[in-house]
Protein backbone atom coordinates (compact mmCIF):
# COMPACT_ATOMS: atom_id res chain seq x y z
CA MET A 1 -39.21 19.82 26.61
CA VAL A 2 -39.65 17.59 24.15
CA ARG A 3 -38.92 18.04 20.05
CA PRO A 4 -41.00 18.00 17.88
CA PRO A 5 -39.45 15.05 14.52
CA TRP A 6 -37.31 17.05 12.27
CA PHE A 7 -38.68 17.12 8.96
CA LEU A 8 -42.06 18.51 11.00
CA LEU A 9 -39.45 21.27 12.61
CA CYS A 10 -38.26 21.51 9.26
CA ALA A 11 -41.43 22.39 7.28
CA ALA A 12 -42.92 24.22 10.73
CA VAL A 13 -39.69 26.67 10.41
CA ILE A 14 -38.15 26.95 7.46
CA GLY A 15 -39.26 24.56 4.38
CA CYS A 16 -36.81 23.01 3.37
CA ASP A 17 -35.64 21.03 0.22
CA THR A 18 -36.30 16.66 1.06
CA SER A 19 -35.31 16.05 -2.56
CA SER A 20 -32.11 15.50 -0.21
CA GLU A 21 -32.88 13.07 2.26
CA ASP A 22 -29.86 10.14 2.15
CA THR A 23 -31.99 7.06 1.40
CA SER A 24 -28.77 5.00 0.57
CA PRO A 25 -28.19 1.63 2.80
CA PRO A 26 -25.89 1.20 5.74
CA VAL A 27 -21.89 1.17 5.06
CA ASP A 28 -20.38 -2.15 5.85
CA THR A 29 -17.93 -2.85 8.24
CA SER A 30 -17.37 -5.90 8.82
CA PRO A 31 -14.33 -7.84 7.40
CA ALA A 32 -13.59 -8.62 3.67
CA ASP A 33 -13.63 -11.70 2.17
CA THR A 34 -10.23 -13.30 1.96
CA SER A 35 -11.51 -16.49 0.91
CA THR A 36 -10.06 -17.82 -2.53
CA ALA A 37 -12.01 -21.03 -2.59
CA ASP A 38 -14.11 -21.56 -5.17
CA THR A 39 -17.39 -21.70 -3.05
CA GLY A 40 -18.02 -17.65 -3.57
CA ASP A 41 -18.47 -15.02 -1.24
CA THR A 42 -18.38 -16.73 2.30
CA ASP A 43 -18.49 -13.46 4.72
CA SER A 44 -21.66 -11.89 5.92
CA ASP A 45 -22.03 -8.59 4.79
CA THR A 46 -24.88 -8.16 1.85
CA GLY A 47 -21.87 -5.99 0.01
CA VAL A 48 -20.67 -6.48 -3.00
CA ASP A 49 -16.99 -7.88 -2.56
CA THR A 50 -14.00 -5.89 -4.20
CA GLY A 51 -10.84 -7.44 -3.89
CA ASP A 52 -8.81 -8.67 -6.86
CA THR A 53 -8.81 -12.61 -5.70
CA GLY A 54 -12.16 -13.45 -7.50
CA ASP A 55 -14.85 -15.80 -6.50
CA THR A 56 -15.40 -17.70 -9.85
CA ALA A 57 -12.59 -20.80 -11.22
CA PRO A 58 -11.60 -20.74 -14.82
CA VAL A 59 -12.86 -22.10 -17.23
CA ASN A 60 -11.13 -24.81 -19.36
CA GLY A 61 -10.75 -24.06 -22.82
CA LEU A 62 -11.37 -27.46 -25.24
CA PRO A 63 -9.44 -28.88 -28.18
CA THR A 64 -11.09 -27.22 -31.56
CA ALA A 65 -11.73 -30.03 -34.35
CA PRO A 66 -9.35 -31.43 -37.14
CA VAL A 67 -9.53 -31.25 -40.39
CA LEU A 68 -9.57 -34.68 -42.30
CA HIS A 69 -9.83 -35.93 -45.52
CA PHE A 70 -10.38 -39.76 -47.51
CA ILE A 71 -7.55 -40.69 -49.72
CA PRO A 72 -8.76 -41.89 -51.93
CA ALA A 73 -11.39 -39.50 -52.13
CA VAL A 74 -13.86 -42.91 -52.84
CA PRO A 75 -12.08 -46.26 -51.81
CA ALA A 76 -12.64 -49.00 -54.37
CA PRO A 77 -13.09 -52.47 -53.26
CA GLY A 78 -10.62 -54.52 -52.30
CA VAL A 79 -7.93 -51.14 -51.64
CA ALA A 80 -6.99 -50.01 -48.47
CA PHE A 81 -7.92 -46.32 -47.72
CA ALA A 82 -6.90 -43.74 -44.90
CA ALA A 83 -7.67 -40.73 -43.72
CA VAL A 84 -5.09 -38.14 -43.42
CA MET A 85 -5.26 -35.45 -40.69
CA ASP A 86 -4.86 -31.84 -42.84
CA THR A 87 -5.25 -29.98 -40.00
CA PRO A 88 -4.93 -30.53 -36.34
CA SER A 89 -6.84 -29.50 -32.88
CA VAL A 90 -5.51 -26.39 -31.27
CA ASP A 91 -5.96 -26.21 -27.67
CA PRO A 92 -6.60 -23.07 -26.84
CA GLU A 93 -4.40 -23.25 -23.71
CA GLY A 94 -2.07 -25.20 -25.98
CA ASP A 95 -1.63 -28.33 -23.65
CA ALA A 96 -1.47 -31.38 -25.64
CA VAL A 97 -4.10 -33.07 -27.54
CA THR A 98 -4.93 -36.44 -28.07
CA TYR A 99 -7.23 -38.43 -31.19
CA THR A 100 -9.76 -41.12 -30.43
CA TRP A 101 -10.64 -43.05 -34.01
CA ALA A 102 -14.12 -44.70 -34.20
CA TRP A 103 -14.81 -46.11 -37.41
CA THR A 104 -18.02 -47.61 -37.86
CA GLU A 105 -19.06 -49.99 -40.75
CA ASN A 106 -22.30 -50.04 -41.82
CA GLY A 107 -23.69 -48.21 -38.07
CA VAL A 108 -21.66 -50.97 -36.82
CA ASP A 109 -18.60 -50.91 -35.11
CA ALA A 110 -15.75 -51.81 -36.82
CA GLY A 111 -13.00 -52.34 -33.67
CA LEU A 112 -10.35 -50.29 -36.04
CA THR A 113 -8.85 -47.49 -33.29
CA ASP A 114 -6.29 -45.37 -36.18
CA GLY A 115 -6.40 -44.11 -39.67
CA ASN A 116 -6.33 -46.56 -41.87
CA VAL A 117 -8.94 -49.52 -43.07
CA PRO A 118 -6.81 -52.67 -44.91
CA ALA A 119 -7.84 -53.52 -48.28
CA GLU A 120 -9.57 -56.61 -47.38
CA ARG A 121 -12.10 -54.57 -45.25
CA SER A 122 -12.87 -52.48 -48.16
CA VAL A 123 -16.08 -54.06 -49.80
CA LEU A 124 -17.86 -53.04 -52.48
CA GLY A 125 -21.07 -50.81 -51.21
CA ALA A 126 -20.27 -50.95 -47.55
CA VAL A 127 -20.87 -47.21 -45.84
CA TRP A 128 -18.05 -46.61 -43.81
CA GLN A 129 -17.87 -43.12 -40.81
CA LEU A 130 -14.99 -42.32 -38.75
CA THR A 131 -15.34 -39.74 -35.83
CA VAL A 132 -11.69 -38.41 -34.89
CA THR A 133 -12.52 -36.77 -31.17
CA PRO A 134 -9.65 -34.86 -30.06
CA SER A 135 -8.75 -34.38 -26.11
CA ASP A 136 -6.78 -32.03 -23.77
CA GLY A 137 -6.89 -34.50 -20.46
CA LYS A 138 -9.87 -32.40 -19.35
CA GLY A 139 -12.44 -32.85 -21.63
CA ALA A 140 -13.05 -33.87 -25.21
CA GLY A 141 -13.17 -31.04 -28.23
CA GLU A 142 -15.04 -31.14 -30.67
CA ALA A 143 -15.39 -34.13 -33.05
CA ALA A 144 -14.38 -34.49 -36.59
CA GLN A 145 -16.61 -36.58 -38.81
CA LEU A 146 -16.22 -38.26 -42.25
CA THR A 147 -18.42 -40.89 -43.91
CA THR A 148 -17.72 -42.54 -47.65
CA THR A 149 -18.72 -45.37 -49.37
CA VAL A 150 -16.62 -48.00 -51.37
CA GLY A 151 -18.50 -48.25 -54.58
CA ASN A 152 -15.56 -46.79 -57.44
CA GLU A 153 -13.22 -49.12 -58.63
CA PRO A 154 -9.74 -47.65 -60.33
CA PRO A 155 -9.32 -47.88 -63.96
CA SER A 156 -7.03 -50.46 -65.27
CA GLU A 157 -3.41 -50.39 -65.85
CA LEU A 158 -1.87 -48.27 -68.86
CA VAL A 159 0.33 -50.70 -71.14
CA MET A 160 2.68 -48.66 -73.45
CA HIS A 161 6.34 -48.46 -75.09
CA LEU A 162 8.61 -46.74 -76.29
CA SER A 163 8.97 -46.86 -80.13
CA PRO A 164 11.35 -48.07 -81.91
CA GLU A 165 12.63 -49.62 -79.18
CA ASP A 166 16.55 -49.85 -80.87
CA ALA A 167 16.14 -46.76 -81.58
CA VAL A 168 19.37 -44.50 -83.52
CA GLU A 169 20.21 -40.97 -83.45
CA GLY A 170 17.19 -38.77 -85.72
CA ASP A 171 14.40 -41.45 -85.18
CA ASP A 172 11.40 -39.79 -84.44
CA LEU A 173 10.41 -41.18 -80.29
CA GLU A 174 6.44 -42.48 -80.11
CA ILE A 175 4.64 -43.45 -77.06
CA VAL A 176 3.08 -46.85 -78.29
CA VAL A 177 -0.25 -47.70 -76.00
CA ASP A 178 -0.07 -51.22 -75.59
CA THR A 179 -3.20 -51.32 -73.53
CA VAL A 180 -6.11 -48.58 -72.74
CA PRO A 181 -6.63 -48.20 -69.44
CA VAL A 182 -10.78 -48.40 -68.85
CA ASP A 183 -12.73 -47.68 -65.92
CA PRO A 184 -15.41 -49.54 -64.47
CA GLU A 185 -17.97 -46.62 -64.07
CA GLY A 186 -16.92 -44.94 -66.93
CA ASP A 187 -14.93 -41.96 -65.70
CA PRO A 188 -12.94 -40.06 -67.69
CA ILE A 189 -8.92 -40.77 -67.25
CA VAL A 190 -6.93 -37.89 -67.50
CA TYR A 191 -3.26 -38.94 -68.36
CA THR A 192 0.41 -36.46 -67.75
CA VAL A 193 2.99 -37.22 -69.53
CA ASN A 194 7.25 -36.20 -68.63
CA TRP A 195 9.89 -36.50 -70.99
CA THR A 196 13.84 -36.91 -69.70
CA SER A 197 16.80 -36.96 -71.49
CA ASN A 198 19.88 -38.07 -70.21
CA GLY A 199 18.54 -37.83 -66.69
CA GLU A 200 17.42 -33.82 -67.45
CA ASP A 201 13.36 -33.04 -67.21
CA GLU A 202 12.87 -32.04 -71.13
CA TYR A 203 9.66 -29.42 -70.36
CA TRP A 204 9.44 -28.83 -74.02
CA PHE A 205 7.58 -32.38 -74.63
CA LYS A 206 5.12 -32.48 -71.31
CA ASP A 207 2.15 -33.82 -72.44
CA GLU A 208 3.03 -34.82 -76.41
CA TRP A 209 3.01 -38.40 -76.99
CA ASP A 210 6.23 -37.80 -79.55
CA VAL A 211 9.48 -35.91 -79.75
CA ASP A 212 10.89 -35.50 -82.98
CA GLY A 213 14.06 -37.31 -84.07
CA LYS A 214 16.36 -33.84 -84.97
CA TYR A 215 16.33 -33.88 -81.27
CA VAL A 216 17.56 -37.41 -80.84
CA GLU A 217 21.00 -37.98 -80.92
CA ASN A 218 23.82 -40.72 -80.86
CA HIS A 219 24.11 -42.16 -77.30
CA ASP A 220 21.30 -40.16 -75.87
CA THR A 221 18.67 -41.71 -72.91
CA TRP A 222 15.23 -40.78 -73.45
CA SER A 223 12.53 -41.52 -70.97
CA VAL A 224 9.20 -41.22 -70.52
CA THR A 225 6.64 -41.42 -68.18
CA VAL A 226 3.26 -41.69 -68.34
CA THR A 227 0.13 -41.05 -65.33
CA TRP A 228 -3.44 -42.04 -66.00
CA SER A 229 -6.29 -41.20 -62.87
CA ASP A 230 -10.15 -41.36 -62.92
CA GLY A 231 -9.81 -38.77 -60.74
CA TYR A 232 -10.52 -40.35 -57.51
CA HIS A 233 -7.40 -42.58 -56.71
CA THR A 234 -4.18 -42.89 -56.88
CA PRO A 235 -2.61 -41.72 -59.87
CA GLY A 236 -0.86 -45.46 -61.69
CA SER A 237 2.43 -44.42 -63.57
CA ILE A 238 4.19 -46.16 -66.15
CA THR A 239 7.77 -45.56 -67.30
CA SER A 240 9.55 -46.61 -71.42
CA THR A 241 13.15 -45.51 -71.44
CA VAL A 242 15.34 -45.81 -74.55
CA THR A 243 18.70 -45.20 -75.85
CA ALA A 244 19.16 -44.18 -78.93
CA GLU A 245 22.32 -45.89 -80.12
CA TYR A 246 23.63 -47.53 -83.08
CA THR A 247 24.02 -51.22 -82.43
CA CYS A 248 26.00 -54.07 -84.34
CA SER A 249 22.77 -55.15 -85.79
CA ARG A 250 21.58 -52.11 -86.92
CA LEU A 251 24.53 -49.81 -88.44
CA PRO A 252 24.20 -46.03 -88.87
CA ASP A 253 22.97 -45.75 -93.52
CA GLU A 254 26.42 -43.18 -93.12
CA ALA A 255 29.02 -41.54 -91.27
CA LEU A 256 27.36 -39.53 -88.59
CA SER A 257 28.91 -36.16 -89.10
CA VAL A 258 32.21 -35.18 -91.86
CA SER A 259 33.77 -32.18 -91.47
CA ASN A 260 37.75 -30.76 -91.62
CA LEU A 261 40.06 -30.21 -88.69
CA THR A 262 42.50 -27.51 -91.08
CA ASN A 263 44.37 -26.67 -88.42
CA ALA A 264 45.58 -30.37 -87.66
CA ARG A 265 48.57 -31.35 -89.65
CA ALA A 266 48.91 -35.17 -90.52
CA TYR A 267 50.05 -36.07 -94.08
CA HIS A 268 49.60 -40.43 -94.96
CA GLY A 269 49.84 -41.60 -91.09
CA ILE A 270 48.07 -40.01 -87.61
CA ALA A 271 48.90 -41.50 -84.07
CA PHE A 272 47.64 -39.58 -80.98
CA SER A 273 50.06 -38.88 -77.99
CA ASP A 274 49.08 -40.01 -74.30
CA SER A 275 51.11 -37.44 -72.69
CA ASP A 276 49.22 -34.72 -73.77
CA ALA A 277 46.05 -36.05 -76.15
CA THR A 278 47.48 -34.80 -79.03
CA LEU A 279 47.28 -35.65 -82.46
CA VAL A 280 50.75 -36.46 -83.77
CA GLY A 281 51.37 -36.11 -87.70
CA TRP A 282 53.75 -34.99 -90.23
CA ASP A 283 53.53 -31.87 -92.34
CA GLY A 284 56.02 -32.85 -95.14
CA SER A 285 59.18 -31.71 -92.97
CA ALA A 286 59.03 -32.48 -89.62
CA MET A 287 56.57 -34.07 -86.96
CA MET A 288 53.57 -31.93 -85.56
CA LYS A 289 51.25 -32.03 -82.51
CA SER A 290 47.68 -30.83 -83.06
CA THR A 291 44.93 -30.49 -80.26
CA TYR A 292 41.19 -30.67 -80.84
CA ALA A 293 40.49 -27.03 -80.57
CA GLY A 294 43.60 -26.14 -83.04
CA SER A 295 47.13 -25.12 -81.74
CA ARG A 296 50.11 -26.72 -83.36
CA SER A 297 53.58 -27.17 -81.95
CA LEU A 298 56.31 -28.73 -83.34
CA PHE A 299 57.69 -32.31 -82.18
CA VAL A 300 60.00 -34.11 -84.04
CA PRO A 301 62.14 -31.21 -86.44
CA GLY A 302 64.32 -32.46 -89.18
CA VAL A 303 62.18 -35.30 -90.59
CA SER A 304 62.65 -36.34 -94.38
CA ASN A 305 59.50 -38.99 -94.55
CA ALA A 306 56.64 -40.39 -92.26
CA GLU A 307 53.90 -42.66 -93.83
CA GLN A 308 51.41 -44.66 -91.30
CA PHE A 309 52.36 -44.38 -87.83
CA ASP A 310 50.74 -46.75 -84.85
CA ARG A 311 51.49 -46.38 -80.82
CA LEU A 312 53.07 -49.25 -79.16
CA PRO A 313 51.46 -50.13 -75.60
CA ASN A 314 54.00 -48.11 -73.54
CA GLY A 315 52.66 -45.35 -75.26
CA ASP A 316 55.72 -44.46 -78.08
CA ILE A 317 55.00 -43.73 -81.31
CA VAL A 318 56.79 -45.60 -84.49
CA TYR A 319 55.86 -44.65 -88.13
CA ALA A 320 57.26 -45.90 -91.39
CA ASP A 321 60.23 -44.00 -92.80
CA ASN A 322 59.84 -45.46 -96.54
CA TRP A 323 63.06 -43.15 -98.10
CA ASN A 324 65.41 -44.95 -95.69
CA GLY A 325 63.61 -48.27 -95.59
CA ALA A 326 63.42 -48.50 -91.49
CA LEU A 327 60.92 -48.52 -88.38
CA VAL A 328 60.92 -45.92 -86.01
CA ARG A 329 60.01 -45.34 -83.06
CA VAL A 330 59.97 -41.67 -81.73
CA GLU A 331 59.28 -41.49 -77.03
CA PRO A 332 57.22 -38.95 -75.78
CA ASP A 333 60.35 -36.71 -75.25
CA GLY A 334 60.18 -36.75 -79.25
CA SER A 335 63.41 -38.42 -79.27
CA THR A 336 63.38 -40.63 -82.12
CA SER A 337 65.58 -43.81 -83.40
CA ASN A 338 65.63 -46.87 -85.30
CA ILE A 339 64.28 -49.82 -84.64
CA ALA A 340 64.92 -51.87 -87.81
CA THR A 341 66.56 -50.74 -91.12
CA GLY A 342 67.06 -52.34 -94.60
CA LEU A 343 63.08 -52.80 -94.46
CA GLY A 344 63.04 -51.60 -98.44
CA SER A 345 59.95 -49.81 -99.46
CA VAL A 346 57.71 -49.28 -96.39
CA TYR A 347 54.07 -48.06 -96.33
CA GLY A 348 51.64 -49.62 -93.59
CA VAL A 349 52.11 -49.93 -89.71
CA THR A 350 49.75 -51.70 -87.73
CA VAL A 351 50.72 -52.87 -83.92
CA GLY A 352 49.25 -56.66 -83.52
CA PRO A 353 48.03 -58.07 -80.65
CA ASP A 354 51.14 -59.67 -79.58
CA GLY A 355 52.73 -56.02 -79.42
CA MET A 356 54.88 -56.80 -82.78
CA VAL A 357 55.08 -54.30 -85.07
CA TYR A 358 53.56 -55.21 -88.64
CA VAL A 359 55.24 -53.93 -91.47
CA THR A 360 53.79 -53.34 -95.18
CA TYR A 361 54.13 -53.15 -98.29
CA ASN A 362 53.83 -55.94 -100.97
CA SER A 363 55.22 -58.49 -98.09
CA ILE A 364 54.26 -58.01 -94.65
CA THR A 365 57.33 -58.61 -91.97
CA ARG A 366 56.73 -58.62 -88.03
CA VAL A 367 59.39 -56.55 -85.72
CA ASP A 368 59.79 -56.95 -82.60
CA PRO A 369 60.13 -52.99 -81.07
CA ASP A 370 62.69 -53.92 -77.87
CA THR A 371 65.40 -56.06 -80.33
CA GLY A 372 64.40 -54.80 -84.60
CA GLU A 373 64.16 -58.65 -85.06
CA LYS A 374 62.76 -58.81 -88.31
CA THR A 375 60.47 -61.69 -89.26
CA THR A 376 58.57 -61.98 -92.65
CA ILE A 377 54.74 -63.67 -92.66
CA TYR A 378 54.11 -63.50 -95.99
CA ASP A 379 56.03 -62.05 -99.06
CA PRO A 380 53.93 -63.13 -102.48
CA GLY A 381 56.01 -61.54 -104.95
CA PHE A 382 55.51 -58.86 -106.96
CA SER A 383 53.68 -61.15 -109.65
CA SER A 384 50.50 -62.14 -107.08
CA SER A 385 47.36 -61.61 -107.96
CA ILE A 386 46.33 -60.33 -105.04
CA GLY A 387 48.02 -57.03 -106.10
CA THR A 388 50.72 -55.38 -103.46
CA ALA A 389 49.64 -55.58 -99.33
CA HIS A 390 49.55 -52.01 -98.53
CA ALA A 391 47.86 -52.22 -94.99
CA VAL A 392 46.84 -55.17 -92.48
CA ASN A 393 44.99 -55.70 -89.32
CA PHE A 394 43.35 -57.79 -87.35
CA ASN A 395 40.03 -59.49 -86.92
CA LEU A 396 38.65 -59.12 -82.89
CA ASP A 397 39.87 -62.67 -82.02
CA SER A 398 43.19 -62.59 -83.94
CA THR A 399 42.72 -65.61 -86.20
CA LYS A 400 42.41 -63.99 -89.01
CA MET A 401 44.52 -60.90 -90.31
CA TYR A 402 43.08 -58.56 -93.16
CA ILE A 403 44.88 -57.24 -96.34
CA ALA A 404 44.38 -53.80 -97.98
CA THR A 405 46.01 -53.81 -101.63
CA ILE A 406 46.79 -51.80 -104.69
CA GLY A 407 45.72 -52.68 -107.76
CA ALA A 408 43.21 -56.09 -107.36
CA GLY A 409 40.28 -54.11 -105.78
CA THR A 410 40.15 -56.51 -103.22
CA VAL A 411 40.58 -56.89 -99.07
CA TYR A 412 41.83 -59.99 -98.14
CA GLN A 413 42.30 -62.28 -95.69
CA MET A 414 44.56 -64.95 -94.16
CA ASP A 415 44.11 -67.77 -91.42
CA LEU A 416 46.41 -67.46 -88.70
CA ASP A 417 47.17 -69.77 -85.71
CA ALA A 418 48.21 -68.91 -81.51
CA ASP A 419 51.30 -67.81 -82.64
CA LEU A 420 49.51 -64.97 -85.29
CA ASN A 421 51.40 -67.30 -88.31
CA PRO A 422 49.74 -67.13 -91.80
CA THR A 423 48.04 -71.10 -91.79
CA SER A 424 46.51 -70.56 -95.32
CA ASP A 425 46.99 -68.32 -98.35
CA PRO A 426 44.93 -65.01 -98.88
CA TYR A 427 41.55 -65.26 -99.92
CA ALA A 428 38.79 -62.50 -100.68
CA PHE A 429 37.10 -60.88 -97.70
CA TYR A 430 35.70 -58.29 -99.66
CA THR A 431 35.89 -57.05 -103.91
CA GLY A 432 35.04 -54.23 -105.28
CA ILE A 433 35.93 -51.37 -103.86
CA GLY A 434 38.59 -49.27 -106.12
CA GLY A 435 42.30 -50.71 -106.43
CA TRP A 436 43.93 -48.42 -104.31
CA MET A 437 43.72 -48.60 -100.39
CA ASP A 438 45.37 -46.66 -97.79
CA GLY A 439 45.06 -48.25 -94.76
CA LEU A 440 43.06 -50.46 -92.81
CA GLU A 441 41.29 -50.12 -89.29
CA LEU A 442 37.77 -52.12 -87.69
CA ASP A 443 35.03 -51.11 -85.49
CA GLU A 444 34.16 -52.72 -82.22
CA CYS A 445 31.17 -54.69 -83.84
CA GLY A 446 34.04 -55.87 -86.60
CA ASN A 447 33.16 -53.81 -89.96
CA LEU A 448 36.42 -52.35 -91.69
CA TYR A 449 37.16 -49.46 -92.82
CA VAL A 450 39.34 -48.96 -95.86
CA PRO A 451 39.88 -45.30 -97.16
CA ASN A 452 40.79 -45.78 -100.78
CA TYR A 453 42.52 -43.78 -103.30
CA SER A 454 40.82 -44.36 -106.58
CA ASP A 455 37.40 -43.44 -105.97
CA SER A 456 39.16 -40.72 -102.77
CA THR A 457 35.94 -42.69 -100.41
CA LEU A 458 35.89 -44.09 -97.11
CA TRP A 459 34.59 -47.62 -97.02
CA ARG A 460 32.87 -49.21 -94.24
CA ILE A 461 33.05 -53.15 -95.62
CA THR A 462 30.40 -55.10 -92.67
CA ALA A 463 32.00 -57.95 -90.22
CA ASP A 464 30.70 -60.79 -92.45
CA GLY A 465 32.21 -59.20 -95.53
CA THR A 466 28.99 -58.94 -97.46
CA THR A 467 28.20 -55.20 -98.07
CA ALA A 468 30.27 -51.84 -98.26
CA ASP A 469 29.07 -48.56 -97.83
CA MET A 470 30.51 -45.47 -98.74
CA MET A 471 30.90 -43.24 -94.78
CA MET A 472 32.85 -40.48 -96.56
CA THR A 473 31.66 -39.08 -99.95
CA PRO A 474 33.80 -38.75 -102.36
CA SER A 475 35.85 -35.63 -103.52
CA SER A 476 39.55 -35.38 -105.08
CA THR A 477 40.59 -32.74 -102.49
CA ASP A 478 39.24 -34.05 -99.08
CA TYR A 479 40.21 -37.28 -99.52
CA GLY A 480 41.47 -39.37 -96.41
CA HIS A 481 44.86 -41.11 -97.12
CA GLY A 482 45.19 -43.75 -93.78
CA VAL A 483 42.85 -43.99 -91.01
CA MET A 484 43.05 -44.15 -86.95
CA TRP A 485 40.48 -44.20 -84.09
CA GLY A 486 40.37 -40.71 -81.89
CA THR A 487 40.96 -42.14 -78.28
CA GLY A 488 38.94 -40.36 -76.14
CA ALA A 489 41.38 -37.98 -74.79
CA GLY A 490 41.87 -34.37 -75.83
CA ASP A 491 38.32 -34.66 -77.83
CA TRP A 492 39.20 -36.54 -80.02
CA ALA A 493 36.48 -38.99 -80.06
CA GLU A 494 36.36 -42.67 -79.55
CA ASP A 495 33.63 -43.37 -81.55
CA THR A 496 35.50 -41.21 -84.56
CA LEU A 497 37.70 -41.87 -87.60
CA TYR A 498 40.13 -39.54 -88.11
CA LEU A 499 42.42 -39.07 -91.84
CA PRO A 500 44.85 -37.09 -92.45
CA GLN A 501 45.13 -35.64 -95.76
CA PRO A 502 47.61 -34.69 -98.05
CA TYR A 503 46.28 -33.58 -101.43
CA ASN A 504 44.00 -31.24 -99.22
CA GLY A 505 46.58 -28.94 -97.35
CA TYR A 506 47.74 -31.79 -95.12
CA THR A 507 44.99 -31.57 -93.23
CA VAL A 508 43.00 -34.04 -91.31
CA ARG A 509 39.22 -35.30 -92.10
CA GLU A 510 36.80 -36.20 -89.53
CA VAL A 511 34.73 -38.76 -89.28
CA ARG A 512 32.14 -39.45 -86.66
CA ILE A 513 31.42 -43.32 -86.71
CA GLY A 514 29.14 -43.63 -83.98
CA PHE A 515 31.00 -47.58 -82.92
CA LYS A 516 34.77 -47.06 -80.94
CA SER A 517 37.94 -49.00 -82.02
CA GLY A 518 38.00 -53.03 -82.10
CA ASP A 519 41.03 -52.66 -80.43
CA THR A 520 38.44 -51.96 -77.58
CA VAL A 521 37.43 -55.50 -77.57
CA ARG A 522 40.05 -57.61 -79.39
CA THR A 523 41.51 -60.81 -77.67
CA TRP A 524 44.02 -63.28 -78.78
CA ASN A 525 44.01 -66.52 -77.97
CA GLY A 526 40.59 -65.38 -75.60
CA VAL A 527 42.80 -63.22 -73.79
CA PRO A 528 41.70 -60.13 -73.81
CA VAL A 529 44.06 -57.79 -75.50
CA VAL A 530 45.51 -54.48 -73.52
CA TYR A 531 46.60 -51.34 -76.30
């Protein structure tokens, strides 16, 4: 029997739903595509491959454009300029990036292959364009491009200095502009000012053009750096430096400071101990040691009398015992011994350039500290017109001896030969500072310092013997009877004189001078003296 078509049978017999008719394409039963080549789908079926091998190659990412800027932003004629890379290119796959630098000058290839344009190529009005192209080796990334025109010239130089150039403590420091910078295009110039003191930044004075003198102390070194810029070019810079320091040609008008050290003890003389950096003085019954901080200790007990002191080159201390007419040695351990006796009245004690001890009271006697041998080098007799020789010292080249006196109101000098023997009678060096001189010291400039009892004053006589100034205000109690330079050890300052005060409780006066002892620069027969 011949069957009718199924859809006719459905309609005739049961009236079935034709919406469920299967219209899907035939199923692909061919082998799957296993190729990994970049040629795409090569199998013969018409279906879509669903395997993980893919049908397309990965796409290579290219480097990003770098970020650049010119230094200076606007180049000046005759001045080299350059491009600086602020942000390098980034490659998506992390590949190494190289760059091609291409310059044009006025639209023409400039033949430069790095980031620099030399000074001789920087011509007024020239238009420079830079193209920097990154590459990861597989392709070129986005290029960066900069353009500038040479035409802005930098300002001229600033010339300035600090004033005063020979500054001393307390001077106001001021920037003096000798030549003002000028900008060719009239661009405003901006300044910055930075100060340092002794190498430390002084932020308080940022952009200030002067410093108040109350901040300037002796030996301070001040520097100021001024920079200037028109905003386009590398700022110019200039530095000036001064050291606030008194010089032999510019002396302080008075002592830099004066104060009492109430815990130190001394009578007519002072010396300093090398062994423990203490001041040694007599308190009326014993020798005492004092630290600068104020502590005291017994050094030599049972000392009946001690006038002036000095220190031998080996560090031993010597002093004059007027009661016994002796010159006494004190060793570092406090043991004492007579170097010489039979000296009669003795007061002044000075160790000379030759290492001998010069003992003074009217006559001047040279004593060998090793043998005790005594040599009188000057004896005026008590009828002498120069009064009584009370203290002596030597000038800086050891060709003269200075003599401080009682009764004459004059500091005298004698000429000396190569062996420190007098070749002349005493003659006046300076007259008019009082009649009772109790000590004599020199500074490194050759100025003399004389404490004088009759007017209770410490005098400074200039090296040329023409001027005398009071370095310590007159006072009946704060009077220095004797004088000695500090050594720099244990805070006993080298630029300071220390004076015993027998009429003020055996205390010590500290007078800051600003110079060191003449002993630090003294010569004898042209050879430096070692004390």
